[in-house]
Amino acid sequence: MDSYLASSPLSLAIFRAAELVELAGTSWEQPVLDMGCGRGEFARAAVVTQLDVGLDRDQRHVKLAARTGKYAALHVGDARQMPFDSDSFATVLSISVLEHVADPQAAIDEAFRVLKPGGVLVATIVLDQFDTCLHVARLLRQAGLSGLSKCYVRSLNRAFSHIALHPPAYWRNCLDAAGFEILTCRNVVSTTTLGWFELWLPAALPYRISAWCGHPLQGRPKWLTRWMSTLAKSIVSSSTDTGVCIYVVAKKTVDPG
């Protein structure tokens, strides 16, 4: 988390820490594909050694991911039509990716295809509960400002490029349809954590503006990073109510032939 906090807003770090709590200390069978690697934030923050391959559709993100030194190889490509042979990987990671894909089933089918028999898909996915559990949106509805509440939810989803928010049953059906055996599927990121995420969102605005201008903010004092890390870990560890994301591990049990 400290690595992520060194150059990211506290709001996003709190959310990400809660989302990835299940992955702490986890190792994966190689070769590993990071499907939708983005700028390499997950690899930089949570991976001790290199991942074998990273894939993202945005060439700018791939260039930034290369700077992390966390990938043996990087490719520009779409998760719905990946440039890899079938049965190529033992593990596919999909960390906060599928909620950004217009056709999630296609991406899940592709993950199944490129996995070796017995390989696993490890994913975190933001649910539709993200919308219904937003604290500010609920307060606005209670105040009779339903229109403003809907505008707030739409604005956040636009800012975070959420285009495929669905309930857990939808994702289980997608995995079943692809041929996966679901080994683990449980909620993460509590509504309490989501409230803290919302509280600190205004402090993330300078990061968003700097990214728009093409000069992302880099680094912050170590003492501030340590304080933010302590706060984020405290929030995550004390939050136990229903989650707005799911953590999934699914196994490819048969060869698609």
C-alpha atoms as a PDB file:
ATOM      1  CA  MET A   1       0.000   0.000   0.000  1.00  0.00           C
ATOM      2  CA  ASP A   2       2.823   2.436   0.811  1.00  0.00           C
ATOM      3  CA  SER A   3       4.048   2.222  -2.772  1.00  0.00           C
ATOM      4  CA  TYR A   4       0.561   3.003  -4.087  1.00  0.00           C
ATOM      5  CA  LEU A   5       0.112   5.879  -1.650  1.00  0.00           C
ATOM      6  CA  ALA A   6       3.416   7.441  -2.658  1.00  0.00           C
ATOM      7  CA  SER A   7       1.814   8.787  -5.837  1.00  0.00           C
ATOM      8  CA  SER A   8      -1.946   8.245  -5.486  1.00  0.00           C
ATOM      9  CA  PRO A   9      -4.799   9.983  -3.632  1.00  0.00           C
ATOM     10  CA  LEU A  10      -5.795   8.656  -0.213  1.00  0.00           C
ATOM     11  CA  SER A  11      -9.377   7.990  -1.377  1.00  0.00           C
ATOM     12  CA  LEU A  12      -8.232   5.582  -4.091  1.00  0.00           C
ATOM     13  CA  ALA A  13      -5.667   3.961  -1.816  1.00  0.00           C
ATOM     14  CA  ILE A  14      -8.336   3.240   0.812  1.00  0.00           C
ATOM     15  CA  PHE A  15     -10.586   1.638  -1.791  1.00  0.00           C
ATOM     16  CA  ARG A  16      -7.735  -0.334  -3.369  1.00  0.00           C
ATOM     17  CA  ALA A  17      -6.421  -1.563  -0.010  1.00  0.00           C
ATOM     18  CA  ALA A  18      -9.856  -2.957   0.880  1.00  0.00           C
ATOM     19  CA  GLU A  19     -10.242  -4.456  -2.580  1.00  0.00           C
ATOM     20  CA  LEU A  20      -6.894  -6.240  -2.448  1.00  0.00           C
ATOM     21  CA  VAL A  21      -6.930  -7.422   1.167  1.00  0.00           C
ATOM     22  CA  GLU A  22      -7.625 -10.971  -0.022  1.00  0.00           C
ATOM     23  CA  LEU A  23      -4.474 -10.908  -2.159  1.00  0.00           C
ATOM     24  CA  ALA A  24      -2.065 -10.023   0.645  1.00  0.00           C
ATOM     25  CA  GLY A  25       0.823 -12.471   0.669  1.00  0.00           C
ATOM     26  CA  THR A  26      -0.612 -14.464  -2.242  1.00  0.00           C
ATOM     27  CA  SER A  27       1.635 -16.097  -4.827  1.00  0.00           C
ATOM     28  CA  TRP A  28       0.473 -17.310  -8.240  1.00  0.00           C
ATOM     29  CA  GLU A  29       1.556 -20.120 -10.475  1.00  0.00           C
ATOM     30  CA  GLN A  30       3.503 -18.867 -13.483  1.00  0.00           C
ATOM     31  CA  PRO A  31       3.258 -17.743 -16.163  1.00  0.00           C
ATOM     32  CA  VAL A  32       0.993 -14.907 -14.992  1.00  0.00           C
ATOM     33  CA  LEU A  33      -0.977 -12.519 -17.202  1.00  0.00           C
ATOM     34  CA  ASP A  34      -2.133  -9.201 -15.754  1.00  0.00           C
ATOM     35  CA  MET A  35      -5.187  -8.613 -17.955  1.00  0.00           C
ATOM     36  CA  GLY A  36      -5.914  -4.883 -17.988  1.00  0.00           C
ATOM     37  CA  CYS A  37      -2.710  -3.901 -16.222  1.00  0.00           C
ATOM     38  CA  GLY A  38      -3.336  -0.159 -16.588  1.00  0.00           C
ATOM     39  CA  ARG A  39      -0.371   1.918 -15.500  1.00  0.00           C
ATOM     40  CA  GLY A  40       0.964  -0.981 -13.444  1.00  0.00           C
ATOM     41  CA  GLU A  41      -0.454   0.328 -10.165  1.00  0.00           C
ATOM     42  CA  PHE A  42      -1.354  -3.116  -8.840  1.00  0.00           C
ATOM     43  CA  ALA A  43       1.972  -4.671  -9.811  1.00  0.00           C
ATOM     44  CA  ARG A  44       3.916  -1.779  -8.309  1.00  0.00           C
ATOM     45  CA  ALA A  45       1.991  -1.850  -5.051  1.00  0.00           C
ATOM     46  CA  ALA A  46       1.333  -5.524  -4.443  1.00  0.00           C
ATOM     47  CA  VAL A  47       3.749  -7.672  -6.432  1.00  0.00           C
ATOM     48  CA  VAL A  48       7.166  -8.500  -4.996  1.00  0.00           C
ATOM     49  CA  THR A  49       8.674 -10.034  -8.128  1.00  0.00           C
ATOM     50  CA  GLN A  50       7.960  -9.565 -11.818  1.00  0.00           C
ATOM     51  CA  LEU A  51       4.772 -10.659 -13.524  1.00  0.00           C
ATOM     52  CA  ASP A  52       5.278 -12.426 -16.822  1.00  0.00           C
ATOM     53  CA  VAL A  53       2.961 -10.395 -19.054  1.00  0.00           C
ATOM     54  CA  GLY A  54       0.864  -7.241 -18.789  1.00  0.00           C
ATOM     55  CA  LEU A  55      -1.882  -6.310 -21.251  1.00  0.00           C
ATOM     56  CA  ASP A  56      -3.798  -3.065 -21.628  1.00  0.00           C
ATOM     57  CA  ARG A  57      -5.680  -1.438 -24.489  1.00  0.00           C
ATOM     58  CA  ASP A  58      -4.230   2.029 -23.783  1.00  0.00           C
ATOM     59  CA  GLN A  59      -0.726   2.466 -25.180  1.00  0.00           C
ATOM     60  CA  ARG A  60      -0.032   5.354 -22.786  1.00  0.00           C
ATOM     61  CA  HIS A  61      -0.839   3.130 -19.833  1.00  0.00           C
ATOM     62  CA  VAL A  62       1.430   0.386 -21.153  1.00  0.00           C
ATOM     63  CA  LYS A  63       4.332   2.850 -21.398  1.00  0.00           C
ATOM     64  CA  LEU A  64       3.794   3.890 -17.783  1.00  0.00           C
ATOM     65  CA  ALA A  65       3.506   0.244 -16.693  1.00  0.00           C
ATOM     66  CA  ALA A  66       6.877  -0.434 -18.311  1.00  0.00           C
ATOM     67  CA  ARG A  67       8.475   2.131 -15.999  1.00  0.00           C
ATOM     68  CA  THR A  68       7.520   0.072 -12.946  1.00  0.00           C
ATOM     69  CA  GLY A  69       9.884  -2.718 -13.958  1.00  0.00           C
ATOM     70  CA  LYS A  70       7.259  -5.222 -12.778  1.00  0.00           C
ATOM     71  CA  TYR A  71       6.591  -6.925 -16.114  1.00  0.00           C
ATOM     72  CA  ALA A  72       8.803  -9.201 -18.175  1.00  0.00           C
ATOM     73  CA  ALA A  73       6.708  -8.279 -21.231  1.00  0.00           C
ATOM     74  CA  LEU A  74       3.929  -5.818 -22.044  1.00  0.00           C
ATOM     75  CA  HIS A  75       1.396  -5.764 -24.884  1.00  0.00           C
ATOM     76  CA  VAL A  76      -1.189  -3.312 -26.159  1.00  0.00           C
ATOM     77  CA  GLY A  77      -4.455  -5.149 -26.759  1.00  0.00           C
ATOM     78  CA  ASP A  78      -8.107  -5.635 -25.907  1.00  0.00           C
ATOM     79  CA  ALA A  79      -9.089  -8.103 -23.168  1.00  0.00           C
ATOM     80  CA  ARG A  80     -11.984  -9.220 -25.381  1.00  0.00           C
ATOM     81  CA  GLN A  81      -9.596 -10.388 -28.122  1.00  0.00           C
ATOM     82  CA  MET A  82      -6.182 -11.044 -26.607  1.00  0.00           C
ATOM     83  CA  PRO A  83      -3.087 -11.582 -28.776  1.00  0.00           C
ATOM     84  CA  PHE A  84      -2.039 -14.800 -27.034  1.00  0.00           C
ATOM     85  CA  ASP A  85      -2.259 -18.486 -27.887  1.00  0.00           C
ATOM     86  CA  SER A  86      -4.745 -20.695 -26.111  1.00  0.00           C
ATOM     87  CA  ASP A  87      -3.488 -22.493 -22.981  1.00  0.00           C
ATOM     88  CA  SER A  88      -0.665 -19.970 -22.481  1.00  0.00           C
ATOM     89  CA  PHE A  89      -0.957 -18.941 -18.818  1.00  0.00           C
ATOM     90  CA  ALA A  90      -1.316 -20.619 -15.447  1.00  0.00           C
ATOM     91  CA  THR A  91      -2.837 -17.502 -13.853  1.00  0.00           C
ATOM     92  CA  VAL A  92      -4.808 -14.559 -15.206  1.00  0.00           C
ATOM     93  CA  LEU A  93      -5.215 -11.532 -12.948  1.00  0.00           C
ATOM     94  CA  SER A  94      -8.094  -9.134 -13.531  1.00  0.00           C
ATOM     95  CA  ILE A  95      -7.894  -6.432 -10.883  1.00  0.00           C
ATOM     96  CA  SER A  96     -10.712  -3.873 -11.221  1.00  0.00           C
ATOM     97  CA  VAL A  97     -10.967  -4.466 -14.950  1.00  0.00           C
ATOM     98  CA  LEU A  98     -14.240  -6.162 -15.903  1.00  0.00           C
ATOM     99  CA  GLU A  99     -16.475  -3.311 -14.721  1.00  0.00           C
ATOM    100  CA  HIS A 100     -14.747  -1.168 -17.377  1.00  0.00           C
ATOM    101  CA  VAL A 101     -15.416  -3.562 -20.279  1.00  0.00           C
ATOM    102  CA  ALA A 102     -18.453  -3.093 -22.530  1.00  0.00           C
ATOM    103  CA  ASP A 103     -18.788  -6.859 -23.073  1.00  0.00           C
ATOM    104  CA  PRO A 104     -17.485  -8.550 -19.902  1.00  0.00           C
ATOM    105  CA  GLN A 105     -18.512 -12.018 -21.087  1.00  0.00           C
ATOM    106  CA  ALA A 106     -16.124 -11.742 -24.035  1.00  0.00           C
ATOM    107  CA  ALA A 107     -13.232 -10.845 -21.723  1.00  0.00           C
ATOM    108  CA  ILE A 108     -14.048 -13.723 -19.366  1.00  0.00           C
ATOM    109  CA  ASP A 109     -14.272 -16.119 -22.322  1.00  0.00           C
ATOM    110  CA  GLU A 110     -10.839 -14.920 -23.463  1.00  0.00           C
ATOM    111  CA  ALA A 111      -9.387 -15.412 -19.981  1.00  0.00           C
ATOM    112  CA  PHE A 112     -10.669 -18.991 -20.098  1.00  0.00           C
ATOM    113  CA  ARG A 113      -9.154 -19.530 -23.552  1.00  0.00           C
ATOM    114  CA  VAL A 114      -5.641 -18.333 -22.699  1.00  0.00           C
ATOM    115  CA  LEU A 115      -5.513 -20.244 -19.406  1.00  0.00           C
ATOM    116  CA  LYS A 116      -4.004 -23.707 -19.281  1.00  0.00           C
ATOM    117  CA  PRO A 117      -6.283 -26.490 -18.009  1.00  0.00           C
ATOM    118  CA  GLY A 118      -6.211 -26.195 -14.233  1.00  0.00           C
ATOM    119  CA  GLY A 119      -5.230 -22.517 -14.449  1.00  0.00           C
ATOM    120  CA  VAL A 120      -7.036 -19.890 -12.401  1.00  0.00           C
ATOM    121  CA  LEU A 121      -8.593 -16.508 -12.970  1.00  0.00           C
ATOM    122  CA  VAL A 122      -8.148 -14.167  -9.987  1.00  0.00           C
ATOM    123  CA  ALA A 123     -10.395 -11.109 -10.194  1.00  0.00           C
ATOM    124  CA  THR A 124     -11.786  -8.211  -8.243  1.00  0.00           C
ATOM    125  CA  ILE A 125     -14.928  -6.618  -9.654  1.00  0.00           C
ATOM    126  CA  VAL A 126     -16.912  -3.538  -8.631  1.00  0.00           C
ATOM    127  CA  LEU A 127     -20.613  -4.378  -8.232  1.00  0.00           C
ATOM    128  CA  ASP A 128     -23.819  -2.457  -8.895  1.00  0.00           C
ATOM    129  CA  GLN A 129     -23.964  -2.012  -5.105  1.00  0.00           C
ATOM    130  CA  PHE A 130     -21.378   0.715  -5.603  1.00  0.00           C
ATOM    131  CA  ASP A 131     -24.206   2.918  -6.907  1.00  0.00           C
ATOM    132  CA  THR A 132     -26.777   2.075  -4.255  1.00  0.00           C
ATOM    133  CA  CYS A 133     -24.380   2.284  -1.291  1.00  0.00           C
ATOM    134  CA  LEU A 134     -22.816   5.678  -2.015  1.00  0.00           C
ATOM    135  CA  HIS A 135     -23.382   7.709   1.156  1.00  0.00           C
ATOM    136  CA  VAL A 136     -23.699  11.127  -0.474  1.00  0.00           C
ATOM    137  CA  ALA A 137     -26.207   9.771  -2.986  1.00  0.00           C
ATOM    138  CA  ARG A 138     -28.294   8.281  -0.167  1.00  0.00           C
ATOM    139  CA  LEU A 139     -28.271  11.548   1.799  1.00  0.00           C
ATOM    140  CA  LEU A 140     -29.377  13.441  -1.289  1.00  0.00           C
ATOM    141  CA  ARG A 141     -32.240  11.003  -1.849  1.00  0.00           C
ATOM    142  CA  GLN A 142     -33.321  11.326   1.773  1.00  0.00           C
ATOM    143  CA  ALA A 143     -33.351  15.101   1.334  1.00  0.00           C
ATOM    144  CA  GLY A 144     -35.721  14.741  -1.616  1.00  0.00           C
ATOM    145  CA  LEU A 145     -33.002  15.569  -4.163  1.00  0.00           C
ATOM    146  CA  SER A 146     -33.226  12.386  -6.203  1.00  0.00           C
ATOM    147  CA  GLY A 147     -32.206  14.151  -9.426  1.00  0.00           C
ATOM    148  CA  LEU A 148     -29.028  15.475  -7.835  1.00  0.00           C
ATOM    149  CA  SER A 149     -28.394  12.056  -6.308  1.00  0.00           C
ATOM    150  CA  LYS A 150     -28.551  10.404  -9.737  1.00  0.00           C
ATOM    151  CA  CYS A 151     -26.269  13.100 -11.171  1.00  0.00           C
ATOM    152  CA  TYR A 152     -23.731  12.426  -8.399  1.00  0.00           C
ATOM    153  CA  VAL A 153     -23.741   8.678  -9.114  1.00  0.00           C
ATOM    154  CA  ARG A 154     -23.409   9.225 -12.872  1.00  0.00           C
ATOM    155  CA  SER A 155     -20.526  11.640 -12.349  1.00  0.00           C
ATOM    156  CA  LEU A 156     -18.568   9.184 -10.210  1.00  0.00           C
ATOM    157  CA  ASN A 157     -19.133   6.333 -12.640  1.00  0.00           C
ATOM    158  CA  ARG A 158     -18.035   8.550 -15.514  1.00  0.00           C
ATOM    159  CA  ALA A 159     -14.932   9.629 -13.608  1.00  0.00           C
ATOM    160  CA  PHE A 160     -13.962   6.015 -12.893  1.00  0.00           C
ATOM    161  CA  SER A 161     -15.123   4.648 -16.278  1.00  0.00           C
ATOM    162  CA  HIS A 162     -17.630   2.227 -14.743  1.00  0.00           C
ATOM    163  CA  ILE A 163     -19.710   0.907 -17.635  1.00  0.00           C
ATOM    164  CA  ALA A 164     -20.576  -2.639 -16.490  1.00  0.00           C
ATOM    165  CA  LEU A 165     -21.811  -2.595 -12.896  1.00  0.00           C
ATOM    166  CA  HIS A 166     -23.786  -5.771 -12.163  1.00  0.00           C
ATOM    167  CA  PRO A 167     -24.832  -7.911  -9.166  1.00  0.00           C
ATOM    168  CA  PRO A 168     -22.763 -10.933  -8.054  1.00  0.00           C
ATOM    169  CA  ALA A 169     -25.176 -13.347  -9.762  1.00  0.00           C
ATOM    170  CA  TYR A 170     -24.394 -11.770 -13.141  1.00  0.00           C
ATOM    171  CA  TRP A 171     -20.680 -12.399 -12.725  1.00  0.00           C
ATOM    172  CA  ARG A 172     -21.196 -15.949 -11.498  1.00  0.00           C
ATOM    173  CA  ASN A 173     -23.327 -16.622 -14.575  1.00  0.00           C
ATOM    174  CA  CYS A 174     -20.612 -15.194 -16.844  1.00  0.00           C
ATOM    175  CA  LEU A 175     -17.981 -17.435 -15.252  1.00  0.00           C
ATOM    176  CA  ASP A 176     -20.263 -20.466 -15.514  1.00  0.00           C
ATOM    177  CA  ALA A 177     -20.998 -19.704 -19.165  1.00  0.00           C
ATOM    178  CA  ALA A 178     -17.267 -19.545 -19.951  1.00  0.00           C
ATOM    179  CA  GLY A 179     -16.714 -22.938 -18.337  1.00  0.00           C
ATOM    180  CA  PHE A 180     -15.047 -21.882 -15.086  1.00  0.00           C
ATOM    181  CA  GLU A 181     -15.447 -23.623 -11.753  1.00  0.00           C
ATOM    182  CA  ILE A 182     -15.835 -20.920  -9.099  1.00  0.00           C
ATOM    183  CA  LEU A 183     -13.572 -21.692  -6.144  1.00  0.00           C
ATOM    184  CA  THR A 184     -14.050 -18.431  -4.241  1.00  0.00           C
ATOM    185  CA  CYS A 185     -16.547 -15.595  -4.560  1.00  0.00           C
ATOM    186  CA  ARG A 186     -16.942 -13.204  -1.647  1.00  0.00           C
ATOM    187  CA  ASN A 187     -17.620  -9.549  -1.009  1.00  0.00           C
ATOM    188  CA  VAL A 188     -14.875  -7.047  -0.264  1.00  0.00           C
ATOM    189  CA  VAL A 189     -14.752  -3.246   0.199  1.00  0.00           C
ATOM    190  CA  SER A 190     -17.326  -2.524   2.890  1.00  0.00           C
ATOM    191  CA  THR A 191     -19.854   0.290   2.702  1.00  0.00           C
ATOM    192  CA  THR A 192     -18.004   1.878   5.622  1.00  0.00           C
ATOM    193  CA  THR A 193     -14.827   1.894   3.538  1.00  0.00           C
ATOM    194  CA  LEU A 194     -16.825   3.333   0.640  1.00  0.00           C
ATOM    195  CA  GLY A 195     -17.886   6.202   2.913  1.00  0.00           C
ATOM    196  CA  TRP A 196     -14.250   7.015   3.714  1.00  0.00           C
ATOM    197  CA  PHE A 197     -13.474   6.815   0.009  1.00  0.00           C
ATOM    198  CA  GLU A 198     -16.148   9.432  -0.670  1.00  0.00           C
ATOM    199  CA  LEU A 199     -14.971  11.635   2.199  1.00  0.00           C
ATOM    200  CA  TRP A 200     -11.464  11.908   0.752  1.00  0.00           C
ATOM    201  CA  LEU A 201     -12.496  12.212  -2.899  1.00  0.00           C
ATOM    202  CA  PRO A 202     -12.141  16.034  -3.014  1.00  0.00           C
ATOM    203  CA  ALA A 203      -8.446  15.646  -2.165  1.00  0.00           C
ATOM    204  CA  ALA A 204      -8.059  13.554  -5.321  1.00  0.00           C
ATOM    205  CA  LEU A 205      -9.037  16.457  -7.601  1.00  0.00           C
ATOM    206  CA  PRO A 206      -5.468  17.820  -7.990  1.00  0.00           C
ATOM    207  CA  TYR A 207      -4.364  14.379  -9.218  1.00  0.00           C
ATOM    208  CA  ARG A 208      -7.156  14.295 -11.777  1.00  0.00           C
ATOM    209  CA  ILE A 209      -6.364  17.811 -13.007  1.00  0.00           C
ATOM    210  CA  SER A 210      -2.634  17.088 -13.265  1.00  0.00           C
ATOM    211  CA  ALA A 211      -3.375  13.900 -15.243  1.00  0.00           C
ATOM    212  CA  TRP A 212      -5.597  15.868 -17.653  1.00  0.00           C
ATOM    213  CA  CYS A 213      -2.756  18.332 -18.146  1.00  0.00           C
ATOM    214  CA  GLY A 214      -0.337  15.531 -18.946  1.00  0.00           C
ATOM    215  CA  HIS A 215       1.823  16.055 -15.867  1.00  0.00           C
ATOM    216  CA  PRO A 216       0.734  13.508 -13.225  1.00  0.00           C
ATOM    217  CA  LEU A 217       1.666  14.367  -9.659  1.00  0.00           C
ATOM    218  CA  GLN A 218       4.571  12.254  -8.488  1.00  0.00           C
ATOM    219  CA  GLY A 219       5.670  11.484  -4.953  1.00  0.00           C
ATOM    220  CA  ARG A 220       4.907  12.965  -1.559  1.00  0.00           C
ATOM    221  CA  PRO A 221       6.818  13.232   1.747  1.00  0.00           C
ATOM    222  CA  LYS A 222       7.524   9.864   3.356  1.00  0.00           C
ATOM    223  CA  TRP A 223       6.015  10.971   6.682  1.00  0.00           C
ATOM    224  CA  LEU A 224       2.748  11.807   4.924  1.00  0.00           C
ATOM    225  CA  THR A 225       2.734   8.466   3.107  1.00  0.00           C
ATOM    226  CA  ARG A 226       3.259   6.643   6.414  1.00  0.00           C
ATOM    227  CA  TRP A 227       0.383   8.552   8.052  1.00  0.00           C
ATOM    228  CA  MET A 228      -1.931   7.875   5.127  1.00  0.00           C
ATOM    229  CA  SER A 229      -0.966   4.199   5.144  1.00  0.00           C
ATOM    230  CA  THR A 230      -1.738   3.878   8.857  1.00  0.00           C
ATOM    231  CA  LEU A 231      -5.121   5.555   8.375  1.00  0.00           C
ATOM    232  CA  ALA A 232      -6.026   3.442   5.338  1.00  0.00           C
ATOM    233  CA  LYS A 233      -5.090   0.166   7.049  1.00  0.00           C
ATOM    234  CA  SER A 234      -7.084   1.143  10.138  1.00  0.00           C
ATOM    235  CA  ILE A 235     -10.178   1.872   8.055  1.00  0.00           C
ATOM    236  CA  VAL A 236      -9.926  -1.372   6.101  1.00  0.00           C
ATOM    237  CA  SER A 237      -9.288  -3.585   9.130  1.00  0.00           C
ATOM    238  CA  SER A 238     -12.215  -2.111  11.088  1.00  0.00           C
ATOM    239  CA  SER A 239     -14.759  -2.410   8.252  1.00  0.00           C
ATOM    240  CA  THR A 240     -16.713  -5.665   8.145  1.00  0.00           C
ATOM    241  CA  ASP A 241     -20.136  -4.917   6.636  1.00  0.00           C
ATOM    242  CA  THR A 242     -21.405  -5.912   3.183  1.00  0.00           C
ATOM    243  CA  GLY A 243     -18.974  -5.232   0.353  1.00  0.00           C
ATOM    244  CA  VAL A 244     -19.463  -3.331  -2.897  1.00  0.00           C
ATOM    245  CA  CYS A 245     -16.927  -5.479  -4.789  1.00  0.00           C
ATOM    246  CA  ILE A 246     -16.330  -9.191  -5.137  1.00  0.00           C
ATOM    247  CA  TYR A 247     -13.117 -11.168  -4.989  1.00  0.00           C
ATOM    248  CA  VAL A 248     -13.236 -14.188  -7.283  1.00  0.00           C
ATOM    249  CA  VAL A 249     -11.002 -17.182  -7.906  1.00  0.00           C
ATOM    250  CA  ALA A 250     -12.195 -19.430 -10.734  1.00  0.00           C
ATOM    251  CA  LYS A 251     -10.536 -22.516 -12.200  1.00  0.00           C
ATOM    252  CA  LYS A 252     -10.394 -23.761 -15.775  1.00  0.00           C
ATOM    253  CA  THR A 253     -11.303 -27.372 -15.235  1.00  0.00           C
ATOM    254  CA  VAL A 254     -11.536 -28.598 -18.819  1.00  0.00           C
ATOM    255  CA  ASP A 255      -9.666 -28.120 -22.052  1.00  0.00           C
ATOM    256  CA  PRO A 256     -11.948 -26.264 -24.522  1.00  0.00           C
ATOM    257  CA  GLY A 257     -10.361 -28.304 -27.318  1.00  0.00           C
END
